[in-house]
Amino acid sequence: MKAVGYTRCSTEGQAKEGVSLENQRERVMEYCRYKGFDLVEIIEDAGISGGKNKARPGFIQLLDRMDTGDVRTIVLYSLERLSRDMLTLLALERLLDERDIELHTVEGLVDTSTPDGWLNFAMKSFLGEMERRQVKYRTKKAMEYKKGQGAVVGSIPYGYQRSGDGLVENIQEQAVVKEINDLYQNNNKLVDICNWLKERNVQTRKR
């Protein structure tokens, strides 16, 4: 039975060192040898969060391989490597089922070729979603607490810069803000203001 492996690590540090990815590759290869699968390819996403489906070229490539009809099994190190989003996992499992493709994990005993294995997949999808929501909730509460203490959280508005837990004016950026306001007050169109900024190579924080 032909199989495709998929590996992912979520931080740039892991991607550069290759430890996490290499470990996943080895475990996937061992599993395929144990099961007698013909491993034709291992697709990877290095340094990419599992929550960014469209930003993962390897994940998109994996979806494309599902449509070729020449792969009968997908093998992962663990279900979390694919996604922590329950709806994404359930939708993917439905696609796999429609194409008669099995999903196996090295860790966690997921094997969708059996009813018990599918139940394990569903439970782990639910638990992964629960963990994702807990992290999101704890982060939100931590941010609310910091805001309540007067600390600056999140992105810094243009014209300011961080100083400790507070903000101070950035003199250069404040000068740009003043010029923009003056242009606007003098009835310049937004497109003209944008061109003025472009000509002077004034860039945003997210350039």
Foldseek 3Di string as FASTA:
>chain_A
DEEEEEAEDAAQVCLVVVPRVVVWVVLQVVVCVVVVHHYDYYFYFYNHQLVDQVPGPSNVVVVVVLPPLPHAEYETQDPVRNHLALVVQVVVVVSSVVSNHWYYHSPQQATVVDPVNVVSSNVSSVVSPVVVVVVVVVVVVVVVVLVVVVFDDDDDDFQWDDDPRDIDGDVVRVVLVVVLVVCVVVVHDPVVNVVVCVVVVPDDPVD
